[in-house]
Amino acid sequence: MAVVNNLAEEHGGSHAAEAHDNTFKRFLASLGVAAETIDAATEGPEVRAFNHALWGACTMAEPELAFACLGSSSTRLPESRARSGGP
């Protein structure tokens, strides 16, 4: 179950502040990137396409591959996806 442990770690375990998206934001801030710049940033079309491919694998592939894709995306579901269960 190493992949499940890695997935939990990627998403901060029981501490949302430790999820990798949040630790990366803190890293950017330590480099002097303004919080407004970080918050205003959006994913480009290439990243969006990649993430949609990962989510497709999560919904259609075997559980092991789905968990691996979730861990590699290093993102958390937006609230709308978390509620609806879909892209």
N, C-alpha and C. Protein backbone atom coordinates (compact mmCIF):
# COMPACT_ATOMS: atom_id res chain seq x y z
N MET A 1 0.81 -1.19 0.00
CA MET A 1 0.00 0.00 0.00
C MET A 1 0.85 1.26 0.00
N ALA A 2 2.07 1.17 -0.47
CA ALA A 2 2.96 2.33 -0.51
C ALA A 2 2.36 3.46 -1.33
N VAL A 3 1.66 3.13 -2.42
CA VAL A 3 1.08 4.18 -3.25
C VAL A 3 0.00 4.95 -2.50
N VAL A 4 -0.76 4.29 -1.64
CA VAL A 4 -1.79 4.97 -0.85
C VAL A 4 -1.12 5.89 0.17
N ASN A 5 -0.04 5.42 0.80
CA ASN A 5 0.68 6.28 1.74
C ASN A 5 1.26 7.50 1.03
N ASN A 6 1.80 7.32 -0.16
CA ASN A 6 2.34 8.43 -0.91
C ASN A 6 1.23 9.41 -1.29
N LEU A 7 0.09 8.90 -1.68
CA LEU A 7 -1.04 9.76 -2.03
C LEU A 7 -1.47 10.59 -0.84
N ALA A 8 -1.56 9.97 0.32
CA ALA A 8 -1.93 10.70 1.54
C ALA A 8 -0.91 11.79 1.84
N GLU A 9 0.37 11.48 1.68
CA GLU A 9 1.42 12.45 1.94
C GLU A 9 1.36 13.61 0.94
N GLU A 10 1.10 13.31 -0.33
CA GLU A 10 0.98 14.35 -1.35
C GLU A 10 -0.09 15.36 -0.99
N HIS A 11 -1.14 14.89 -0.37
CA HIS A 11 -2.29 15.74 -0.06
C HIS A 11 -2.29 16.20 1.40
N GLY A 12 -1.17 16.07 2.08
CA GLY A 12 -1.01 16.62 3.41
C GLY A 12 -1.45 15.75 4.55
N GLY A 13 -1.80 14.49 4.27
CA GLY A 13 -2.29 13.64 5.35
C GLY A 13 -3.52 14.26 5.96
N SER A 14 -3.51 14.45 7.25
CA SER A 14 -4.66 15.06 7.91
C SER A 14 -4.47 16.56 8.11
N HIS A 15 -3.44 17.14 7.47
CA HIS A 15 -3.13 18.56 7.61
C HIS A 15 -3.12 19.23 6.24
N ALA A 16 -4.21 19.90 5.89
CA ALA A 16 -4.33 20.52 4.57
C ALA A 16 -3.19 21.51 4.31
N ALA A 17 -2.70 22.17 5.34
CA ALA A 17 -1.62 23.14 5.16
C ALA A 17 -0.34 22.48 4.65
N GLU A 18 -0.22 21.16 4.83
CA GLU A 18 0.97 20.44 4.38
C GLU A 18 0.80 19.79 3.02
N ALA A 19 -0.35 19.97 2.38
CA ALA A 19 -0.53 19.44 1.03
C ALA A 19 0.48 20.12 0.11
N HIS A 20 0.95 19.41 -0.88
CA HIS A 20 2.03 19.92 -1.71
C HIS A 20 1.70 21.21 -2.44
N ASP A 21 0.44 21.43 -2.78
CA ASP A 21 0.13 22.71 -3.41
C ASP A 21 0.36 23.86 -2.44
N ASN A 22 0.08 23.64 -1.17
CA ASN A 22 0.30 24.69 -0.16
C ASN A 22 1.79 24.86 0.18
N THR A 23 2.53 23.76 0.24
CA THR A 23 3.96 23.90 0.53
C THR A 23 4.66 24.58 -0.65
N PHE A 24 4.20 24.34 -1.88
CA PHE A 24 4.80 25.01 -3.04
C PHE A 24 4.49 26.51 -3.01
N LYS A 25 3.28 26.88 -2.59
CA LYS A 25 2.95 28.30 -2.45
C LYS A 25 3.87 28.97 -1.42
N ARG A 26 4.15 28.28 -0.32
CA ARG A 26 5.05 28.85 0.69
C ARG A 26 6.47 28.98 0.12
N PHE A 27 6.89 28.02 -0.68
CA PHE A 27 8.20 28.09 -1.32
C PHE A 27 8.27 29.31 -2.23
N LEU A 28 7.24 29.51 -3.08
CA LEU A 28 7.23 30.67 -3.97
C LEU A 28 7.26 31.97 -3.17
N ALA A 29 6.51 32.03 -2.08
CA ALA A 29 6.50 33.23 -1.24
C ALA A 29 7.89 33.49 -0.66
N SER A 30 8.61 32.41 -0.30
CA SER A 30 9.96 32.59 0.25
C SER A 30 10.93 33.14 -0.78
N LEU A 31 10.59 32.98 -2.06
CA LEU A 31 11.41 33.53 -3.14
C LEU A 31 11.01 34.96 -3.48
N GLY A 32 10.00 35.47 -2.78
CA GLY A 32 9.57 36.84 -2.99
C GLY A 32 8.40 37.01 -3.93
N VAL A 33 7.76 35.92 -4.34
CA VAL A 33 6.59 36.02 -5.19
C VAL A 33 5.41 36.47 -4.33
N ALA A 34 4.75 37.53 -4.76
CA ALA A 34 3.64 38.09 -3.99
C ALA A 34 2.46 37.11 -3.95
N ALA A 35 1.76 37.09 -2.81
CA ALA A 35 0.60 36.22 -2.66
C ALA A 35 -0.44 36.50 -3.73
N GLU A 36 -0.60 37.75 -4.12
CA GLU A 36 -1.57 38.11 -5.16
C GLU A 36 -1.20 37.47 -6.49
N THR A 37 0.09 37.43 -6.79
CA THR A 37 0.56 36.82 -8.04
C THR A 37 0.30 35.32 -8.02
N ILE A 38 0.58 34.70 -6.89
CA ILE A 38 0.35 33.26 -6.75
C ILE A 38 -1.15 32.96 -6.91
N ASP A 39 -1.99 33.72 -6.22
CA ASP A 39 -3.43 33.48 -6.25
C ASP A 39 -4.03 33.76 -7.62
N ALA A 40 -3.43 34.68 -8.38
CA ALA A 40 -3.97 35.04 -9.70
C ALA A 40 -3.52 34.07 -10.79
N ALA A 41 -2.51 33.26 -10.51
CA ALA A 41 -1.99 32.34 -11.52
C ALA A 41 -3.03 31.28 -11.87
N THR A 42 -3.11 30.97 -13.14
CA THR A 42 -4.01 29.91 -13.60
C THR A 42 -3.21 28.86 -14.36
N GLU A 43 -3.76 27.67 -14.44
CA GLU A 43 -3.06 26.62 -15.19
C GLU A 43 -3.18 26.92 -16.68
N GLY A 44 -2.11 26.63 -17.39
CA GLY A 44 -2.12 26.80 -18.84
C GLY A 44 -2.84 25.63 -19.50
N PRO A 45 -3.08 25.73 -20.80
CA PRO A 45 -3.81 24.66 -21.50
C PRO A 45 -3.08 23.32 -21.46
N GLU A 46 -1.75 23.35 -21.46
CA GLU A 46 -0.99 22.09 -21.42
C GLU A 46 -1.19 21.39 -20.08
N VAL A 47 -1.14 22.15 -19.00
CA VAL A 47 -1.34 21.57 -17.67
C VAL A 47 -2.77 21.08 -17.53
N ARG A 48 -3.71 21.86 -18.03
CA ARG A 48 -5.12 21.46 -17.96
C ARG A 48 -5.33 20.14 -18.71
N ALA A 49 -4.75 20.01 -19.89
CA ALA A 49 -4.89 18.77 -20.67
C ALA A 49 -4.28 17.59 -19.93
N PHE A 50 -3.10 17.80 -19.35
CA PHE A 50 -2.43 16.74 -18.59
C PHE A 50 -3.28 16.31 -17.41
N ASN A 51 -3.78 17.29 -16.64
CA ASN A 51 -4.60 16.96 -15.48
C ASN A 51 -5.89 16.27 -15.87
N HIS A 52 -6.51 16.65 -16.98
CA HIS A 52 -7.73 15.97 -17.44
C HIS A 52 -7.43 14.52 -17.83
N ALA A 53 -6.27 14.30 -18.43
CA ALA A 53 -5.89 12.92 -18.77
C ALA A 53 -5.72 12.09 -17.50
N LEU A 54 -5.09 12.69 -16.48
CA LEU A 54 -4.93 11.98 -15.21
C LEU A 54 -6.29 11.66 -14.59
N TRP A 55 -7.19 12.63 -14.57
CA TRP A 55 -8.51 12.39 -13.98
C TRP A 55 -9.28 11.34 -14.78
N GLY A 56 -9.10 11.31 -16.10
CA GLY A 56 -9.72 10.26 -16.90
C GLY A 56 -9.23 8.88 -16.49
N ALA A 57 -7.92 8.76 -16.29
CA ALA A 57 -7.36 7.49 -15.83
C ALA A 57 -7.89 7.13 -14.45
N CYS A 58 -8.09 8.14 -13.61
CA CYS A 58 -8.60 7.88 -12.26
C CYS A 58 -10.01 7.30 -12.30
N THR A 59 -10.79 7.70 -13.27
CA THR A 59 -12.17 7.23 -13.32
C THR A 59 -12.34 5.94 -14.13
N MET A 60 -11.38 5.64 -15.00
CA MET A 60 -11.57 4.50 -15.91
C MET A 60 -10.57 3.36 -15.72
N ALA A 61 -9.49 3.60 -15.01
CA ALA A 61 -8.43 2.59 -14.92
C ALA A 61 -8.57 1.74 -13.64
N GLU A 62 -7.69 0.76 -13.54
CA GLU A 62 -7.65 -0.07 -12.35
C GLU A 62 -7.28 0.80 -11.15
N PRO A 63 -7.70 0.41 -9.95
CA PRO A 63 -7.44 1.24 -8.76
C PRO A 63 -5.97 1.59 -8.55
N GLU A 64 -5.06 0.67 -8.81
CA GLU A 64 -3.64 0.95 -8.60
C GLU A 64 -3.17 2.10 -9.48
N LEU A 65 -3.58 2.07 -10.75
CA LEU A 65 -3.20 3.15 -11.67
C LEU A 65 -3.89 4.45 -11.28
N ALA A 66 -5.13 4.36 -10.87
CA ALA A 66 -5.86 5.56 -10.46
C ALA A 66 -5.17 6.24 -9.28
N PHE A 67 -4.78 5.47 -8.27
CA PHE A 67 -4.07 6.05 -7.13
C PHE A 67 -2.74 6.66 -7.55
N ALA A 68 -2.03 5.98 -8.43
CA ALA A 68 -0.75 6.52 -8.92
C ALA A 68 -0.96 7.84 -9.64
N CYS A 69 -2.01 7.95 -10.43
CA CYS A 69 -2.30 9.20 -11.13
C CYS A 69 -2.66 10.31 -10.16
N LEU A 70 -3.42 9.99 -9.13
CA LEU A 70 -3.76 11.01 -8.14
C LEU A 70 -2.50 11.52 -7.45
N GLY A 71 -1.60 10.63 -7.13
CA GLY A 71 -0.36 11.04 -6.48
C GLY A 71 0.53 11.86 -7.38
N SER A 72 0.55 11.55 -8.67
CA SER A 72 1.43 12.28 -9.58
C SER A 72 0.89 13.64 -9.92
N SER A 73 -0.41 13.85 -9.76
CA SER A 73 -0.96 15.16 -10.13
C SER A 73 -0.59 16.22 -9.12
N SER A 74 -0.34 15.84 -7.87
CA SER A 74 0.02 16.79 -6.82
C SER A 74 -0.95 17.95 -6.70
N THR A 75 -2.18 17.68 -6.99
CA THR A 75 -3.20 18.70 -6.84
C THR A 75 -4.34 18.13 -6.04
N ARG A 76 -5.11 19.01 -5.50
CA ARG A 76 -6.30 18.57 -4.81
C ARG A 76 -7.50 18.93 -5.67
N LEU A 77 -8.57 18.18 -5.50
CA LEU A 77 -9.78 18.45 -6.24
C LEU A 77 -10.34 19.81 -5.87
N PRO A 78 -10.71 20.61 -6.87
CA PRO A 78 -11.46 21.82 -6.53
C PRO A 78 -12.76 21.42 -5.85
N GLU A 79 -13.31 22.31 -5.04
CA GLU A 79 -14.52 21.99 -4.29
C GLU A 79 -15.63 21.46 -5.19
N SER A 80 -15.81 22.03 -6.38
CA SER A 80 -16.89 21.57 -7.26
C SER A 80 -16.68 20.13 -7.69
N ARG A 81 -15.44 19.72 -7.95
CA ARG A 81 -15.17 18.33 -8.33
C ARG A 81 -15.34 17.42 -7.13
N ALA A 82 -14.90 17.86 -5.99
CA ALA A 82 -15.03 17.03 -4.79
C ALA A 82 -16.49 16.74 -4.48
N ARG A 83 -17.36 17.73 -4.68
CA ARG A 83 -18.77 17.53 -4.42
C ARG A 83 -19.43 16.67 -5.49
N SER A 84 -19.07 16.90 -6.76
CA SER A 84 -19.77 16.21 -7.84
C SER A 84 -19.15 14.87 -8.16
N GLY A 85 -17.87 14.69 -7.78
CA GLY A 85 -17.18 13.44 -8.08
C GLY A 85 -16.71 13.36 -9.51
N GLY A 86 -16.69 14.48 -10.24
CA GLY A 86 -16.27 14.44 -11.63
C GLY A 86 -15.50 15.65 -12.04
N PRO A 87 -15.03 15.69 -13.32
CA PRO A 87 -14.22 16.81 -13.81
C PRO A 87 -14.98 18.10 -13.92
